[in-house]
Amino acid sequence: MLARGAFGAMTLITEYDAAGNRIRWLRLEPATDGRAVVLVEVDERKPGIHREMRYEITPSELIAVIRAHGVALTAVVVPT
């Protein structure tokens, strides 16, 4: 079986101010080499300050965390 690295991006949370401007957001995106998943948190809630934090985890570690701490959902098998 051929396995590939992380691919694609996903916005998890977006926060807007009263004027509708985006002031905080969190995204999951692949590292440039595809070997890790990066959580990017951008915070512009304080005027004139742009703070960006990045957290990296391998896809295998992320899967293990979700399996250990997530809630299992009932799978539905659809015949093909």
PDB file of N, CA and C in Angstrom:
ATOM      1  N   MET A   1       0.841  -1.174   0.000  1.00  0.00           N
ATOM      2  CA  MET A   1       0.000   0.000   0.000  1.00  0.00           C
ATOM      3  C   MET A   1       0.888   1.241   0.000  1.00  0.00           C
ATOM      4  N   LEU A   2       0.553   2.188  -0.839  1.00  0.00           N
ATOM      5  CA  LEU A   2       1.302   3.434  -0.946  1.00  0.00           C
ATOM      6  C   LEU A   2       0.683   4.480  -0.026  1.00  0.00           C
ATOM      7  N   ALA A   3       1.478   5.035   0.866  1.00  0.00           N
ATOM      8  CA  ALA A   3       0.991   6.088   1.770  1.00  0.00           C
ATOM      9  C   ALA A   3       1.661   7.399   1.394  1.00  0.00           C
ATOM     10  N   ARG A   4       0.890   8.460   1.469  1.00  0.00           N
ATOM     11  CA  ARG A   4       1.429   9.783   1.154  1.00  0.00           C
ATOM     12  C   ARG A   4       1.277  10.689   2.355  1.00  0.00           C
ATOM     13  N   GLY A   5       1.957  11.808   2.329  1.00  0.00           N
ATOM     14  CA  GLY A   5       1.916  12.738   3.453  1.00  0.00           C
ATOM     15  C   GLY A   5       0.657  13.583   3.482  1.00  0.00           C
ATOM     16  N   ALA A   6       0.686  14.585   4.341  1.00  0.00           N
ATOM     17  CA  ALA A   6      -0.455  15.481   4.526  1.00  0.00           C
ATOM     18  C   ALA A   6      -0.724  16.260   3.248  1.00  0.00           C
ATOM     19  N   PHE A   7      -2.023  16.534   3.009  1.00  0.00           N
ATOM     20  CA  PHE A   7      -2.429  17.244   1.799  1.00  0.00           C
ATOM     21  C   PHE A   7      -3.689  18.048   2.095  1.00  0.00           C
ATOM     22  N   GLY A   8      -3.797  19.246   1.562  1.00  0.00           N
ATOM     23  CA  GLY A   8      -5.002  20.063   1.737  1.00  0.00           C
ATOM     24  C   GLY A   8      -4.953  20.895   3.008  1.00  0.00           C
ATOM     25  N   ALA A   9      -5.881  21.837   3.118  1.00  0.00           N
ATOM     26  CA  ALA A   9      -5.941  22.731   4.276  1.00  0.00           C
ATOM     27  C   ALA A   9      -7.383  22.854   4.744  1.00  0.00           C
ATOM     28  N   MET A  10      -7.531  23.247   5.998  1.00  0.00           N
ATOM     29  CA  MET A  10      -8.868  23.349   6.586  1.00  0.00           C
ATOM     30  C   MET A  10      -8.882  24.457   7.633  1.00  0.00           C
ATOM     31  N   THR A  11      -9.838  25.376   7.522  1.00  0.00           N
ATOM     32  CA  THR A  11     -10.019  26.395   8.544  1.00  0.00           C
ATOM     33  C   THR A  11     -10.881  25.814   9.645  1.00  0.00           C
ATOM     34  N   LEU A  12     -10.415  25.909  10.892  1.00  0.00           N
ATOM     35  CA  LEU A  12     -11.135  25.348  12.030  1.00  0.00           C
ATOM     36  C   LEU A  12     -12.001  26.387  12.729  1.00  0.00           C
ATOM     37  N   ILE A  13     -11.456  27.573  12.940  1.00  0.00           N
ATOM     38  CA  ILE A  13     -12.164  28.642  13.648  1.00  0.00           C
ATOM     39  C   ILE A  13     -11.822  29.971  12.983  1.00  0.00           C
ATOM     40  N   THR A  14     -12.826  30.813  12.805  1.00  0.00           N
ATOM     41  CA  THR A  14     -12.610  32.180  12.345  1.00  0.00           C
ATOM     42  C   THR A  14     -13.424  33.099  13.243  1.00  0.00           C
ATOM     43  N   GLU A  15     -12.785  34.155  13.737  1.00  0.00           N
ATOM     44  CA  GLU A  15     -13.460  35.114  14.619  1.00  0.00           C
ATOM     45  C   GLU A  15     -13.431  36.486  13.947  1.00  0.00           C
ATOM     46  N   TYR A  16     -14.578  37.167  13.980  1.00  0.00           N
ATOM     47  CA  TYR A  16     -14.710  38.482  13.363  1.00  0.00           C
ATOM     48  C   TYR A  16     -15.044  39.520  14.426  1.00  0.00           C
ATOM     49  N   ASP A  17     -14.649  40.781  14.177  1.00  0.00           N
ATOM     50  CA  ASP A  17     -15.049  41.860  15.080  1.00  0.00           C
ATOM     51  C   ASP A  17     -16.421  42.386  14.657  1.00  0.00           C
ATOM     52  N   ALA A  18     -16.917  43.412  15.358  1.00  0.00           N
ATOM     53  CA  ALA A  18     -18.249  43.953  15.083  1.00  0.00           C
ATOM     54  C   ALA A  18     -18.361  44.538  13.674  1.00  0.00           C
ATOM     55  N   ALA A  19     -17.236  44.991  13.104  1.00  0.00           N
ATOM     56  CA  ALA A  19     -17.240  45.569  11.757  1.00  0.00           C
ATOM     57  C   ALA A  19     -17.133  44.508  10.665  1.00  0.00           C
ATOM     58  N   GLY A  20     -16.994  43.245  11.057  1.00  0.00           N
ATOM     59  CA  GLY A  20     -16.898  42.163  10.080  1.00  0.00           C
ATOM     60  C   GLY A  20     -15.491  41.849   9.613  1.00  0.00           C
ATOM     61  N   ASN A  21     -14.485  42.424  10.262  1.00  0.00           N
ATOM     62  CA  ASN A  21     -13.093  42.141   9.918  1.00  0.00           C
ATOM     63  C   ASN A  21     -12.630  40.875  10.626  1.00  0.00           C
ATOM     64  N   ARG A  22     -11.905  40.037   9.909  1.00  0.00           N
ATOM     65  CA  ARG A  22     -11.368  38.813  10.509  1.00  0.00           C
ATOM     66  C   ARG A  22     -10.247  39.201  11.470  1.00  0.00           C
ATOM     67  N   ILE A  23     -10.361  38.782  12.726  1.00  0.00           N
ATOM     68  CA  ILE A  23      -9.359  39.169  13.726  1.00  0.00           C
ATOM     69  C   ILE A  23      -8.609  37.977  14.312  1.00  0.00           C
ATOM     70  N   ARG A  24      -9.146  36.766  14.149  1.00  0.00           N
ATOM     71  CA  ARG A  24      -8.472  35.570  14.670  1.00  0.00           C
ATOM     72  C   ARG A  24      -8.929  34.370  13.866  1.00  0.00           C
ATOM     73  N   TRP A  25      -7.977  33.493  13.508  1.00  0.00           N
ATOM     74  CA  TRP A  25      -8.340  32.274  12.798  1.00  0.00           C
ATOM     75  C   TRP A  25      -7.322  31.179  13.048  1.00  0.00           C
ATOM     76  N   LEU A  26      -7.816  29.945  12.993  1.00  0.00           N
ATOM     77  CA  LEU A  26      -6.979  28.761  13.159  1.00  0.00           C
ATOM     78  C   LEU A  26      -7.185  27.863  11.954  1.00  0.00           C
ATOM     79  N   ARG A  27      -6.083  27.393  11.389  1.00  0.00           N
ATOM     80  CA  ARG A  27      -6.128  26.533  10.212  1.00  0.00           C
ATOM     81  C   ARG A  27      -5.222  25.329  10.407  1.00  0.00           C
ATOM     82  N   LEU A  28      -5.603  24.223   9.810  1.00  0.00           N
ATOM     83  CA  LEU A  28      -4.715  23.069   9.682  1.00  0.00           C
ATOM     84  C   LEU A  28      -4.237  23.051   8.248  1.00  0.00           C
ATOM     85  N   GLU A  29      -2.937  22.922   8.057  1.00  0.00           N
ATOM     86  CA  GLU A  29      -2.386  22.854   6.705  1.00  0.00           C
ATOM     87  C   GLU A  29      -1.164  21.950   6.709  1.00  0.00           C
ATOM     88  N   PRO A  30      -0.804  21.406   5.560  1.00  0.00           N
ATOM     89  CA  PRO A  30       0.363  20.527   5.520  1.00  0.00           C
ATOM     90  C   PRO A  30       1.658  21.335   5.594  1.00  0.00           C
ATOM     91  N   ALA A  31       2.689  20.729   6.156  1.00  0.00           N
ATOM     92  CA  ALA A  31       4.022  21.329   6.096  1.00  0.00           C
ATOM     93  C   ALA A  31       4.467  21.307   4.636  1.00  0.00           C
ATOM     94  N   THR A  32       5.451  22.103   4.297  1.00  0.00           N
ATOM     95  CA  THR A  32       5.872  22.197   2.899  1.00  0.00           C
ATOM     96  C   THR A  32       6.338  20.862   2.333  1.00  0.00           C
ATOM     97  N   ASP A  33       6.905  20.002   3.177  1.00  0.00           N
ATOM     98  CA  ASP A  33       7.358  18.695   2.693  1.00  0.00           C
ATOM     99  C   ASP A  33       6.270  17.620   2.793  1.00  0.00           C
ATOM    100  N   GLY A  34       5.103  17.964   3.369  1.00  0.00           N
ATOM    101  CA  GLY A  34       4.002  17.017   3.486  1.00  0.00           C
ATOM    102  C   GLY A  34       4.159  16.000   4.599  1.00  0.00           C
ATOM    103  N   ARG A  35       5.232  16.083   5.355  1.00  0.00           N
ATOM    104  CA  ARG A  35       5.486  15.091   6.408  1.00  0.00           C
ATOM    105  C   ARG A  35       4.847  15.442   7.739  1.00  0.00           C
ATOM    106  N   ALA A  36       4.256  16.616   7.840  1.00  0.00           N
ATOM    107  CA  ALA A  36       3.640  17.045   9.095  1.00  0.00           C
ATOM    108  C   ALA A  36       2.384  17.857   8.799  1.00  0.00           C
ATOM    109  N   VAL A  37       1.561  17.987   9.828  1.00  0.00           N
ATOM    110  CA  VAL A  37       0.386  18.845   9.781  1.00  0.00           C
ATOM    111  C   VAL A  37       0.693  20.027  10.691  1.00  0.00           C
ATOM    112  N   VAL A  38       0.385  21.232  10.223  1.00  0.00           N
ATOM    113  CA  VAL A  38       0.700  22.438  10.973  1.00  0.00           C
ATOM    114  C   VAL A  38      -0.600  23.137  11.367  1.00  0.00           C
ATOM    115  N   LEU A  39      -0.750  23.420  12.658  1.00  0.00           N
ATOM    116  CA  LEU A  39      -1.851  24.239  13.142  1.00  0.00           C
ATOM    117  C   LEU A  39      -1.339  25.669  13.152  1.00  0.00           C
ATOM    118  N   VAL A  40      -1.960  26.539  12.362  1.00  0.00           N
ATOM    119  CA  VAL A  40      -1.561  27.943  12.278  1.00  0.00           C
ATOM    120  C   VAL A  40      -2.624  28.773  12.985  1.00  0.00           C
ATOM    121  N   GLU A  41      -2.198  29.538  13.979  1.00  0.00           N
ATOM    122  CA  GLU A  41      -3.112  30.416  14.714  1.00  0.00           C
ATOM    123  C   GLU A  41      -2.681  31.859  14.490  1.00  0.00           C
ATOM    124  N   VAL A  42      -3.560  32.656  13.895  1.00  0.00           N
ATOM    125  CA  VAL A  42      -3.274  34.065  13.639  1.00  0.00           C
ATOM    126  C   VAL A  42      -4.210  34.891  14.511  1.00  0.00           C
ATOM    127  N   ASP A  43      -3.636  35.847  15.242  1.00  0.00           N
ATOM    128  CA  ASP A  43      -4.410  36.671  16.169  1.00  0.00           C
ATOM    129  C   ASP A  43      -4.108  38.140  15.905  1.00  0.00           C
ATOM    130  N   GLU A  44      -5.122  38.893  15.509  1.00  0.00           N
ATOM    131  CA  GLU A  44      -4.989  40.331  15.277  1.00  0.00           C
ATOM    132  C   GLU A  44      -6.009  41.095  16.128  1.00  0.00           C
ATOM    133  N   ARG A  45      -6.376  40.540  17.294  1.00  0.00           N
ATOM    134  CA  ARG A  45      -7.387  41.174  18.141  1.00  0.00           C
ATOM    135  C   ARG A  45      -6.912  42.488  18.742  1.00  0.00           C
ATOM    136  N   LYS A  46      -5.605  42.625  18.987  1.00  0.00           N
ATOM    137  CA  LYS A  46      -5.077  43.883  19.516  1.00  0.00           C
ATOM    138  C   LYS A  46      -4.665  44.755  18.334  1.00  0.00           C
ATOM    139  N   PRO A  47      -5.155  45.987  18.252  1.00  0.00           N
ATOM    140  CA  PRO A  47      -4.841  46.864  17.118  1.00  0.00           C
ATOM    141  C   PRO A  47      -3.333  47.021  16.911  1.00  0.00           C
ATOM    142  N   GLY A  48      -2.902  46.845  15.671  1.00  0.00           N
ATOM    143  CA  GLY A  48      -1.497  47.018  15.313  1.00  0.00           C
ATOM    144  C   GLY A  48      -0.600  45.841  15.631  1.00  0.00           C
ATOM    145  N   ILE A  49      -1.144  44.774  16.217  1.00  0.00           N
ATOM    146  CA  ILE A  49      -0.327  43.607  16.569  1.00  0.00           C
ATOM    147  C   ILE A  49      -0.810  42.395  15.779  1.00  0.00           C
ATOM    148  N   HIS A  50       0.120  41.792  15.059  1.00  0.00           N
ATOM    149  CA  HIS A  50      -0.166  40.569  14.294  1.00  0.00           C
ATOM    150  C   HIS A  50       0.660  39.451  14.928  1.00  0.00           C
ATOM    151  N   ARG A  51      -0.020  38.497  15.548  1.00  0.00           N
ATOM    152  CA  ARG A  51       0.674  37.384  16.207  1.00  0.00           C
ATOM    153  C   ARG A  51       0.329  36.104  15.464  1.00  0.00           C
ATOM    154  N   GLU A  52       1.352  35.361  15.107  1.00  0.00           N
ATOM    155  CA  GLU A  52       1.142  34.093  14.403  1.00  0.00           C
ATOM    156  C   GLU A  52       1.931  32.998  15.107  1.00  0.00           C
ATOM    157  N   MET A  53       1.219  31.942  15.508  1.00  0.00           N
ATOM    158  CA  MET A  53       1.848  30.796  16.162  1.00  0.00           C
ATOM    159  C   MET A  53       1.651  29.580  15.268  1.00  0.00           C
ATOM    160  N   ARG A  54       2.656  28.715  15.221  1.00  0.00           N
ATOM    161  CA  ARG A  54       2.571  27.491  14.425  1.00  0.00           C
ATOM    162  C   ARG A  54       2.939  26.301  15.302  1.00  0.00           C
ATOM    163  N   TYR A  55       2.130  25.257  15.208  1.00  0.00           N
ATOM    164  CA  TYR A  55       2.364  24.020  15.956  1.00  0.00           C
ATOM    165  C   TYR A  55       2.398  22.885  14.945  1.00  0.00           C
ATOM    166  N   GLU A  56       3.381  22.016  15.051  1.00  0.00           N
ATOM    167  CA  GLU A  56       3.560  20.948  14.070  1.00  0.00           C
ATOM    168  C   GLU A  56       3.390  19.580  14.726  1.00  0.00           C
ATOM    169  N   ILE A  57       2.735  18.666  14.013  1.00  0.00           N
ATOM    170  CA  ILE A  57       2.529  17.302  14.480  1.00  0.00           C
ATOM    171  C   ILE A  57       2.509  16.403  13.245  1.00  0.00           C
ATOM    172  N   THR A  58       2.982  15.182  13.385  1.00  0.00           N
ATOM    173  CA  THR A  58       2.933  14.273  12.236  1.00  0.00           C
ATOM    174  C   THR A  58       1.502  13.767  12.063  1.00  0.00           C
ATOM    175  N   PRO A  59       1.129  13.380  10.843  1.00  0.00           N
ATOM    176  CA  PRO A  59      -0.214  12.824  10.645  1.00  0.00           C
ATOM    177  C   PRO A  59      -0.482  11.624  11.559  1.00  0.00           C
ATOM    178  N   SER A  60       0.506  10.759  11.760  1.00  0.00           N
ATOM    179  CA  SER A  60       0.331   9.590  12.633  1.00  0.00           C
ATOM    180  C   SER A  60       0.045  10.006  14.071  1.00  0.00           C
ATOM    181  N   GLU A  61       0.760  11.022  14.562  1.00  0.00           N
ATOM    182  CA  GLU A  61       0.526  11.513  15.925  1.00  0.00           C
ATOM    183  C   GLU A  61      -0.856  12.146  16.051  1.00  0.00           C
ATOM    184  N   LEU A  62      -1.281  12.896  15.041  1.00  0.00           N
ATOM    185  CA  LEU A  62      -2.608  13.514  15.065  1.00  0.00           C
ATOM    186  C   LEU A  62      -3.706  12.454  15.073  1.00  0.00           C
ATOM    187  N   ILE A  63      -3.551  11.429  14.272  1.00  0.00           N
ATOM    188  CA  ILE A  63      -4.520  10.328  14.241  1.00  0.00           C
ATOM    189  C   ILE A  63      -4.586   9.654  15.609  1.00  0.00           C
ATOM    190  N   ALA A  64      -3.422   9.415  16.234  1.00  0.00           N
ATOM    191  CA  ALA A  64      -3.390   8.780  17.557  1.00  0.00           C
ATOM    192  C   ALA A  64      -4.082   9.647  18.609  1.00  0.00           C
ATOM    193  N   VAL A  65      -3.885  10.967  18.556  1.00  0.00           N
ATOM    194  CA  VAL A  65      -4.531  11.876  19.510  1.00  0.00           C
ATOM    195  C   VAL A  65      -6.046  11.844  19.329  1.00  0.00           C
ATOM    196  N   ILE A  66      -6.512  11.890  18.089  1.00  0.00           N
ATOM    197  CA  ILE A  66      -7.956  11.859  17.836  1.00  0.00           C
ATOM    198  C   ILE A  66      -8.547  10.532  18.294  1.00  0.00           C
ATOM    199  N   ARG A  67      -7.873   9.447  18.008  1.00  0.00           N
ATOM    200  CA  ARG A  67      -8.377   8.135  18.449  1.00  0.00           C
ATOM    201  C   ARG A  67      -8.404   8.023  19.968  1.00  0.00           C
ATOM    202  N   ALA A  68      -7.415   8.601  20.647  1.00  0.00           N
ATOM    203  CA  ALA A  68      -7.337   8.508  22.106  1.00  0.00           C
ATOM    204  C   ALA A  68      -8.324   9.443  22.807  1.00  0.00           C
ATOM    205  N   HIS A  69      -8.574  10.614  22.224  1.00  0.00           N
ATOM    206  CA  HIS A  69      -9.375  11.626  22.914  1.00  0.00           C
ATOM    207  C   HIS A  69     -10.690  11.964  22.223  1.00  0.00           C
ATOM    208  N   GLY A  70     -10.870  11.517  21.004  1.00  0.00           N
ATOM    209  CA  GLY A  70     -12.105  11.811  20.280  1.00  0.00           C
ATOM    210  C   GLY A  70     -13.209  10.839  20.663  1.00  0.00           C
ATOM    211  N   VAL A  71     -14.407  11.162  20.258  1.00  0.00           N
ATOM    212  CA  VAL A  71     -15.566  10.307  20.503  1.00  0.00           C
ATOM    213  C   VAL A  71     -15.819   9.504  19.237  1.00  0.00           C
ATOM    214  N   ALA A  72     -15.882   8.181  19.383  1.00  0.00           N
ATOM    215  CA  ALA A  72     -16.131   7.316  18.227  1.00  0.00           C
ATOM    216  C   ALA A  72     -17.564   7.516  17.747  1.00  0.00           C
ATOM    217  N   LEU A  73     -17.724   7.684  16.447  1.00  0.00           N
ATOM    218  CA  LEU A  73     -19.038   7.841  15.838  1.00  0.00           C
ATOM    219  C   LEU A  73     -19.449   6.529  15.197  1.00  0.00           C
ATOM    220  N   THR A  74     -20.724   6.281  15.132  1.00  0.00           N
ATOM    221  CA  THR A  74     -21.217   5.059  14.512  1.00  0.00           C
ATOM    222  C   THR A  74     -21.005   5.140  13.006  1.00  0.00           C
ATOM    223  N   ALA A  75     -20.368   4.130  12.454  1.00  0.00           N
ATOM    224  CA  ALA A  75     -20.136   4.091  11.011  1.00  0.00           C
ATOM    225  C   ALA A  75     -21.334   3.460  10.326  1.00  0.00           C
ATOM    226  N   VAL A  76     -21.658   3.979   9.167  1.00  0.00           N
ATOM    227  CA  VAL A  76     -22.743   3.424   8.368  1.00  0.00           C
ATOM    228  C   VAL A  76     -22.123   2.804   7.130  1.00  0.00           C
ATOM    229  N   VAL A  77     -22.376   1.528   6.923  1.00  0.00           N
ATOM    230  CA  VAL A  77     -21.840   0.831   5.757  1.00  0.00           C
ATOM    231  C   VAL A  77     -22.886   0.902   4.654  1.00  0.00           C
ATOM    232  N   VAL A  78     -22.470   1.441   3.515  1.00  0.00           N
ATOM    233  CA  VAL A  78     -23.372   1.560   2.372  1.00  0.00           C
ATOM    234  C   VAL A  78     -22.946   0.533   1.342  1.00  0.00           C
ATOM    235  N   PRO A  79     -23.836  -0.395   0.983  1.00  0.00           N
ATOM    236  CA  PRO A  79     -23.465  -1.393  -0.021  1.00  0.00           C
ATOM    237  C   PRO A  79     -23.236  -0.740  -1.379  1.00  0.00           C
ATOM    238  N   THR A  80     -22.246  -1.252  -2.094  1.00  0.00           N
ATOM    239  CA  THR A  80     -21.958  -0.701  -3.426  1.00  0.00           C
ATOM    240  C   THR A  80     -22.323  -1.674  -4.506  1.00  0.00           C
TER     241      THR A  80
END
